[in-house]
Amino acid sequence: MRVPEGQVRRSMRIAERREETADTVSFVLRPADGIPTGSFRPGQYVSVRVALPDGARQIRQYSLSAAPGRPQ
């Protein structure tokens, strides 16, 4: 699914948090609007922007690790 021109962000919700190892955590994300995200290619990543309690915003990049075509 392509993001419409000018729209570069999409709201997601954390559906699950998995502790993979002592120092690795996976988050299962689902689209807040319920519309499927579409497929992705190996090596792609997402940028996650979170508002902090003091009003600042933190942006980090995370690798995608699920098989394409899954609902999360």
PDB file of N, CA and C in Angstrom:
ATOM      1  N   MET A   1       0.849  -1.177   0.000  1.00  0.00           N
ATOM      2  CA  MET A   1       0.000   0.000   0.000  1.00  0.00           C
ATOM      3  C   MET A   1       0.891   1.235   0.000  1.00  0.00           C
ATOM      4  N   ARG A   2       0.666   2.095  -0.910  1.00  0.00           N
ATOM      5  CA  ARG A   2       1.431   3.322  -0.994  1.00  0.00           C
ATOM      6  C   ARG A   2       0.770   4.391  -0.129  1.00  0.00           C
ATOM      7  N   VAL A   3       1.589   5.192   0.513  1.00  0.00           N
ATOM      8  CA  VAL A   3       1.080   6.307   1.315  1.00  0.00           C
ATOM      9  C   VAL A   3       0.748   7.443   0.352  1.00  0.00           C
ATOM     10  N   PRO A   4      -0.423   8.074   0.493  1.00  0.00           N
ATOM     11  CA  PRO A   4      -0.776   9.189  -0.391  1.00  0.00           C
ATOM     12  C   PRO A   4       0.279  10.288  -0.349  1.00  0.00           C
ATOM     13  N   GLU A   5       0.484  10.948  -1.488  1.00  0.00           N
ATOM     14  CA  GLU A   5       1.461  12.022  -1.576  1.00  0.00           C
ATOM     15  C   GLU A   5       1.212  13.063  -0.487  1.00  0.00           C
ATOM     16  N   GLY A   6       2.279  13.468   0.187  1.00  0.00           N
ATOM     17  CA  GLY A   6       2.175  14.456   1.261  1.00  0.00           C
ATOM     18  C   GLY A   6       1.896  13.848   2.625  1.00  0.00           C
ATOM     19  N   GLN A   7       1.491  12.590   2.657  1.00  0.00           N
ATOM     20  CA  GLN A   7       1.196  11.914   3.926  1.00  0.00           C
ATOM     21  C   GLN A   7       2.307  10.905   4.195  1.00  0.00           C
ATOM     22  N   VAL A   8       3.172  11.218   5.139  1.00  0.00           N
ATOM     23  CA  VAL A   8       4.327  10.346   5.381  1.00  0.00           C
ATOM     24  C   VAL A   8       4.240   9.591   6.699  1.00  0.00           C
ATOM     25  N   ARG A   9       3.224   9.863   7.486  1.00  0.00           N
ATOM     26  CA  ARG A   9       3.084   9.178   8.776  1.00  0.00           C
ATOM     27  C   ARG A   9       1.743   8.485   8.863  1.00  0.00           C
ATOM     28  N   ARG A  10       1.752   7.432   9.652  1.00  0.00           N
ATOM     29  CA  ARG A  10       0.526   6.683   9.883  1.00  0.00           C
ATOM     30  C   ARG A  10       0.507   6.248  11.337  1.00  0.00           C
ATOM     31  N   SER A  11      -0.609   6.403  12.001  1.00  0.00           N
ATOM     32  CA  SER A  11      -0.719   6.017  13.413  1.00  0.00           C
ATOM     33  C   SER A  11      -0.842   4.512  13.539  1.00  0.00           C
ATOM     34  N   MET A  12      -0.051   3.968  14.471  1.00  0.00           N
ATOM     35  CA  MET A  12      -0.072   2.537  14.755  1.00  0.00           C
ATOM     36  C   MET A  12      -0.281   2.355  16.257  1.00  0.00           C
ATOM     37  N   ARG A  13      -0.748   1.186  16.623  1.00  0.00           N
ATOM     38  CA  ARG A  13      -0.921   0.843  18.035  1.00  0.00           C
ATOM     39  C   ARG A  13      -0.062  -0.383  18.339  1.00  0.00           C
ATOM     40  N   ILE A  14       0.505  -0.402  19.534  1.00  0.00           N
ATOM     41  CA  ILE A  14       1.270  -1.575  19.960  1.00  0.00           C
ATOM     42  C   ILE A  14       0.264  -2.629  20.396  1.00  0.00           C
ATOM     43  N   ALA A  15       0.235  -3.744  19.667  1.00  0.00           N
ATOM     44  CA  ALA A  15      -0.693  -4.833  19.967  1.00  0.00           C
ATOM     45  C   ALA A  15      -0.072  -5.864  20.894  1.00  0.00           C
ATOM     46  N   GLU A  16       1.256  -5.935  20.855  1.00  0.00           N
ATOM     47  CA  GLU A  16       1.943  -6.946  21.666  1.00  0.00           C
ATOM     48  C   GLU A  16       3.406  -6.549  21.842  1.00  0.00           C
ATOM     49  N   ARG A  17       3.976  -6.937  22.982  1.00  0.00           N
ATOM     50  CA  ARG A  17       5.395  -6.731  23.266  1.00  0.00           C
ATOM     51  C   ARG A  17       5.983  -8.093  23.595  1.00  0.00           C
ATOM     52  N   ARG A  18       7.022  -8.469  22.845  1.00  0.00           N
ATOM     53  CA  ARG A  18       7.632  -9.791  23.036  1.00  0.00           C
ATOM     54  C   ARG A  18       9.100  -9.641  23.434  1.00  0.00           C
ATOM     55  N   GLU A  19       9.491 -10.282  24.519  1.00  0.00           N
ATOM     56  CA  GLU A  19      10.903 -10.314  24.906  1.00  0.00           C
ATOM     57  C   GLU A  19      11.536 -11.483  24.171  1.00  0.00           C
ATOM     58  N   GLU A  20      12.351 -11.171  23.171  1.00  0.00           N
ATOM     59  CA  GLU A  20      12.980 -12.199  22.344  1.00  0.00           C
ATOM     60  C   GLU A  20      14.212 -12.784  23.036  1.00  0.00           C
ATOM     61  N   THR A  21      15.037 -11.921  23.611  1.00  0.00           N
ATOM     62  CA  THR A  21      16.219 -12.326  24.380  1.00  0.00           C
ATOM     63  C   THR A  21      16.341 -11.349  25.545  1.00  0.00           C
ATOM     64  N   ALA A  22      17.402 -11.488  26.330  1.00  0.00           N
ATOM     65  CA  ALA A  22      17.596 -10.592  27.478  1.00  0.00           C
ATOM     66  C   ALA A  22      17.757  -9.131  27.059  1.00  0.00           C
ATOM     67  N   ASP A  23      18.221  -8.891  25.834  1.00  0.00           N
ATOM     68  CA  ASP A  23      18.431  -7.501  25.403  1.00  0.00           C
ATOM     69  C   ASP A  23      17.725  -7.148  24.087  1.00  0.00           C
ATOM     70  N   THR A  24      16.740  -7.959  23.687  1.00  0.00           N
ATOM     71  CA  THR A  24      16.004  -7.687  22.451  1.00  0.00           C
ATOM     72  C   THR A  24      14.503  -7.811  22.695  1.00  0.00           C
ATOM     73  N   VAL A  25      13.765  -6.788  22.263  1.00  0.00           N
ATOM     74  CA  VAL A  25      12.313  -6.775  22.398  1.00  0.00           C
ATOM     75  C   VAL A  25      11.709  -6.530  21.026  1.00  0.00           C
ATOM     76  N   SER A  26      10.641  -7.241  20.712  1.00  0.00           N
ATOM     77  CA  SER A  26       9.884  -7.006  19.478  1.00  0.00           C
ATOM     78  C   SER A  26       8.534  -6.417  19.849  1.00  0.00           C
ATOM     79  N   PHE A  27       8.071  -5.480  19.038  1.00  0.00           N
ATOM     80  CA  PHE A  27       6.745  -4.904  19.199  1.00  0.00           C
ATOM     81  C   PHE A  27       5.907  -5.290  17.992  1.00  0.00           C
ATOM     82  N   VAL A  28       4.709  -5.788  18.247  1.00  0.00           N
ATOM     83  CA  VAL A  28       3.768  -6.078  17.171  1.00  0.00           C
ATOM     84  C   VAL A  28       2.896  -4.838  17.022  1.00  0.00           C
ATOM     85  N   LEU A  29       2.919  -4.243  15.832  1.00  0.00           N
ATOM     86  CA  LEU A  29       2.158  -3.021  15.578  1.00  0.00           C
ATOM     87  C   LEU A  29       0.975  -3.317  14.676  1.00  0.00           C
ATOM     88  N   ARG A  30      -0.120  -2.613  14.923  1.00  0.00           N
ATOM     89  CA  ARG A  30      -1.297  -2.704  14.067  1.00  0.00           C
ATOM     90  C   ARG A  30      -1.733  -1.286  13.721  1.00  0.00           C
ATOM     91  N   PRO A  31      -2.200  -1.076  12.498  1.00  0.00           N
ATOM     92  CA  PRO A  31      -2.655   0.252  12.095  1.00  0.00           C
ATOM     93  C   PRO A  31      -3.841   0.708  12.954  1.00  0.00           C
ATOM     94  N   ALA A  32      -3.790   1.948  13.426  1.00  0.00           N
ATOM     95  CA  ALA A  32      -4.866   2.488  14.261  1.00  0.00           C
ATOM     96  C   ALA A  32      -6.176   2.586  13.486  1.00  0.00           C
ATOM     97  N   ASP A  33      -6.083   2.787  12.159  1.00  0.00           N
ATOM     98  CA  ASP A  33      -7.296   2.931  11.352  1.00  0.00           C
ATOM     99  C   ASP A  33      -7.836   1.597  10.841  1.00  0.00           C
ATOM    100  N   GLY A  34      -7.138   0.483  11.118  1.00  0.00           N
ATOM    101  CA  GLY A  34      -7.596  -0.835  10.713  1.00  0.00           C
ATOM    102  C   GLY A  34      -7.329  -1.185   9.257  1.00  0.00           C
ATOM    103  N   ILE A  35      -6.812  -0.264   8.479  1.00  0.00           N
ATOM    104  CA  ILE A  35      -6.518  -0.522   7.068  1.00  0.00           C
ATOM    105  C   ILE A  35      -5.168  -1.237   6.985  1.00  0.00           C
ATOM    106  N   PRO A  36      -5.088  -2.344   6.257  1.00  0.00           N
ATOM    107  CA  PRO A  36      -3.820  -3.089   6.176  1.00  0.00           C
ATOM    108  C   PRO A  36      -2.655  -2.224   5.709  1.00  0.00           C
ATOM    109  N   THR A  37      -1.469  -2.563   6.174  1.00  0.00           N
ATOM    110  CA  THR A  37      -0.280  -1.783   5.843  1.00  0.00           C
ATOM    111  C   THR A  37       0.297  -2.112   4.483  1.00  0.00           C
ATOM    112  N   GLY A  38       0.039  -3.278   3.964  1.00  0.00           N
ATOM    113  CA  GLY A  38       0.626  -3.681   2.694  1.00  0.00           C
ATOM    114  C   GLY A  38       1.943  -4.386   2.912  1.00  0.00           C
ATOM    115  N   SER A  39       2.577  -4.764   1.819  1.00  0.00           N
ATOM    116  CA  SER A  39       3.807  -5.540   1.926  1.00  0.00           C
ATOM    117  C   SER A  39       5.026  -4.632   2.073  1.00  0.00           C
ATOM    118  N   PHE A  40       6.146  -5.251   2.409  1.00  0.00           N
ATOM    119  CA  PHE A  40       7.410  -4.530   2.512  1.00  0.00           C
ATOM    120  C   PHE A  40       8.510  -5.439   1.992  1.00  0.00           C
ATOM    121  N   ARG A  41       9.672  -4.855   1.783  1.00  0.00           N
ATOM    122  CA  ARG A  41      10.806  -5.625   1.275  1.00  0.00           C
ATOM    123  C   ARG A  41      11.849  -5.816   2.368  1.00  0.00           C
ATOM    124  N   PRO A  42      12.655  -6.878   2.265  1.00  0.00           N
ATOM    125  CA  PRO A  42      13.725  -7.084   3.246  1.00  0.00           C
ATOM    126  C   PRO A  42      14.611  -5.836   3.332  1.00  0.00           C
ATOM    127  N   GLY A  43      14.985  -5.481   4.543  1.00  0.00           N
ATOM    128  CA  GLY A  43      15.846  -4.322   4.757  1.00  0.00           C
ATOM    129  C   GLY A  43      15.096  -3.034   5.034  1.00  0.00           C
ATOM    130  N   GLN A  44      13.786  -3.028   4.818  1.00  0.00           N
ATOM    131  CA  GLN A  44      13.028  -1.813   5.098  1.00  0.00           C
ATOM    132  C   GLN A  44      12.872  -1.627   6.607  1.00  0.00           C
ATOM    133  N   TYR A  45      12.608  -0.398   7.000  1.00  0.00           N
ATOM    134  CA  TYR A  45      12.442  -0.075   8.407  1.00  0.00           C
ATOM    135  C   TYR A  45      11.346   0.977   8.550  1.00  0.00           C
ATOM    136  N   VAL A  46      10.935   1.209   9.779  1.00  0.00           N
ATOM    137  CA  VAL A  46       9.953   2.250  10.077  1.00  0.00           C
ATOM    138  C   VAL A  46      10.579   3.252  11.031  1.00  0.00           C
ATOM    139  N   SER A  47      10.150   4.481  10.925  1.00  0.00           N
ATOM    140  CA  SER A  47      10.534   5.517  11.881  1.00  0.00           C
ATOM    141  C   SER A  47       9.380   5.666  12.856  1.00  0.00           C
ATOM    142  N   VAL A  48       9.698   5.635  14.125  1.00  0.00           N
ATOM    143  CA  VAL A  48       8.686   5.740  15.172  1.00  0.00           C
ATOM    144  C   VAL A  48       8.875   7.059  15.894  1.00  0.00           C
ATOM    145  N   ARG A  49       7.806   7.858  15.945  1.00  0.00           N
ATOM    146  CA  ARG A  49       7.838   9.150  16.632  1.00  0.00           C
ATOM    147  C   ARG A  49       6.935   9.060  17.856  1.00  0.00           C
ATOM    148  N   VAL A  50       7.485   9.397  19.011  1.00  0.00           N
ATOM    149  CA  VAL A  50       6.747   9.322  20.271  1.00  0.00           C
ATOM    150  C   VAL A  50       6.861  10.663  20.980  1.00  0.00           C
ATOM    151  N   ALA A  51       5.727  11.152  21.489  1.00  0.00           N
ATOM    152  CA  ALA A  51       5.729  12.378  22.288  1.00  0.00           C
ATOM    153  C   ALA A  51       6.121  12.017  23.718  1.00  0.00           C
ATOM    154  N   LEU A  52       7.094  12.739  24.255  1.00  0.00           N
ATOM    155  CA  LEU A  52       7.569  12.502  25.618  1.00  0.00           C
ATOM    156  C   LEU A  52       6.782  13.362  26.600  1.00  0.00           C
ATOM    157  N   PRO A  53       6.800  13.016  27.887  1.00  0.00           N
ATOM    158  CA  PRO A  53       6.027  13.767  28.884  1.00  0.00           C
ATOM    159  C   PRO A  53       6.346  15.264  28.915  1.00  0.00           C
ATOM    160  N   ASP A  54       7.585  15.649  28.582  1.00  0.00           N
ATOM    161  CA  ASP A  54       7.939  17.070  28.622  1.00  0.00           C
ATOM    162  C   ASP A  54       7.551  17.816  27.338  1.00  0.00           C
ATOM    163  N   GLY A  55       6.867  17.122  26.415  1.00  0.00           N
ATOM    164  CA  GLY A  55       6.437  17.752  25.175  1.00  0.00           C
ATOM    165  C   GLY A  55       7.383  17.551  24.005  1.00  0.00           C
ATOM    166  N   ALA A  56       8.600  17.102  24.282  1.00  0.00           N
ATOM    167  CA  ALA A  56       9.560  16.831  23.205  1.00  0.00           C
ATOM    168  C   ALA A  56       9.118  15.590  22.437  1.00  0.00           C
ATOM    169  N   ARG A  57       9.649  15.434  21.222  1.00  0.00           N
ATOM    170  CA  ARG A  57       9.355  14.251  20.415  1.00  0.00           C
ATOM    171  C   ARG A  57      10.645  13.490  20.156  1.00  0.00           C
ATOM    172  N   GLN A  58      10.557  12.190  20.252  1.00  0.00           N
ATOM    173  CA  GLN A  58      11.707  11.318  20.003  1.00  0.00           C
ATOM    174  C   GLN A  58      11.410  10.496  18.761  1.00  0.00           C
ATOM    175  N   ILE A  59      12.341  10.461  17.815  1.00  0.00           N
ATOM    176  CA  ILE A  59      12.180   9.650  16.609  1.00  0.00           C
ATOM    177  C   ILE A  59      13.301   8.617  16.568  1.00  0.00           C
ATOM    178  N   ARG A  60      12.921   7.375  16.344  1.00  0.00           N
ATOM    179  CA  ARG A  60      13.889   6.280  16.237  1.00  0.00           C
ATOM    180  C   ARG A  60      13.495   5.412  15.051  1.00  0.00           C
ATOM    181  N   GLN A  61      14.466   4.695  14.489  1.00  0.00           N
ATOM    182  CA  GLN A  61      14.206   3.790  13.384  1.00  0.00           C
ATOM    183  C   GLN A  61      14.316   2.351  13.870  1.00  0.00           C
ATOM    184  N   TYR A  62      13.408   1.512  13.381  1.00  0.00           N
ATOM    185  CA  TYR A  62      13.379   0.107  13.769  1.00  0.00           C
ATOM    186  C   TYR A  62      13.229  -0.770  12.535  1.00  0.00           C
ATOM    187  N   SER A  63      13.911  -1.900  12.527  1.00  0.00           N
ATOM    188  CA  SER A  63      13.822  -2.858  11.424  1.00  0.00           C
ATOM    189  C   SER A  63      12.499  -3.607  11.485  1.00  0.00           C
ATOM    190  N   LEU A  64      11.967  -3.906  10.312  1.00  0.00           N
ATOM    191  CA  LEU A  64      10.778  -4.745  10.218  1.00  0.00           C
ATOM    192  C   LEU A  64      11.246  -6.190  10.277  1.00  0.00           C
ATOM    193  N   SER A  65      10.552  -7.024  11.046  1.00  0.00           N
ATOM    194  CA  SER A  65      11.048  -8.384  11.236  1.00  0.00           C
ATOM    195  C   SER A  65      10.005  -9.464  11.021  1.00  0.00           C
ATOM    196  N   ALA A  66       8.814  -9.132  10.585  1.00  0.00           N
ATOM    197  CA  ALA A  66       7.780 -10.140  10.327  1.00  0.00           C
ATOM    198  C   ALA A  66       7.722 -10.449   8.843  1.00  0.00           C
ATOM    199  N   ALA A  67       7.087 -11.523   8.496  1.00  0.00           N
ATOM    200  CA  ALA A  67       6.924 -11.888   7.095  1.00  0.00           C
ATOM    201  C   ALA A  67       5.943 -10.925   6.425  1.00  0.00           C
ATOM    202  N   PRO A  68       6.238 -10.497   5.195  1.00  0.00           N
ATOM    203  CA  PRO A  68       5.298  -9.628   4.468  1.00  0.00           C
ATOM    204  C   PRO A  68       3.943 -10.303   4.334  1.00  0.00           C
ATOM    205  N   GLY A  69       2.891  -9.485   4.303  1.00  0.00           N
ATOM    206  CA  GLY A  69       1.544 -10.010   4.121  1.00  0.00           C
ATOM    207  C   GLY A  69       0.823 -10.355   5.406  1.00  0.00           C
ATOM    208  N   ARG A  70       1.489 -10.260   6.532  1.00  0.00           N
ATOM    209  CA  ARG A  70       0.833 -10.541   7.814  1.00  0.00           C
ATOM    210  C   ARG A  70       0.067  -9.301   8.264  1.00  0.00           C
ATOM    211  N   PRO A  71      -0.956  -9.444   9.090  1.00  0.00           N
ATOM    212  CA  PRO A  71      -1.784  -8.294   9.476  1.00  0.00           C
ATOM    213  C   PRO A  71      -1.128  -7.356  10.487  1.00  0.00           C
ATOM    214  N   GLN A  72       0.041  -7.673  10.992  1.00  0.00           N
ATOM    215  CA  GLN A  72       0.742  -6.777  11.926  1.00  0.00           C
ATOM    216  C   GLN A  72       2.163  -6.565  11.480  1.00  0.00           C
TER     217      GLN A  72
END
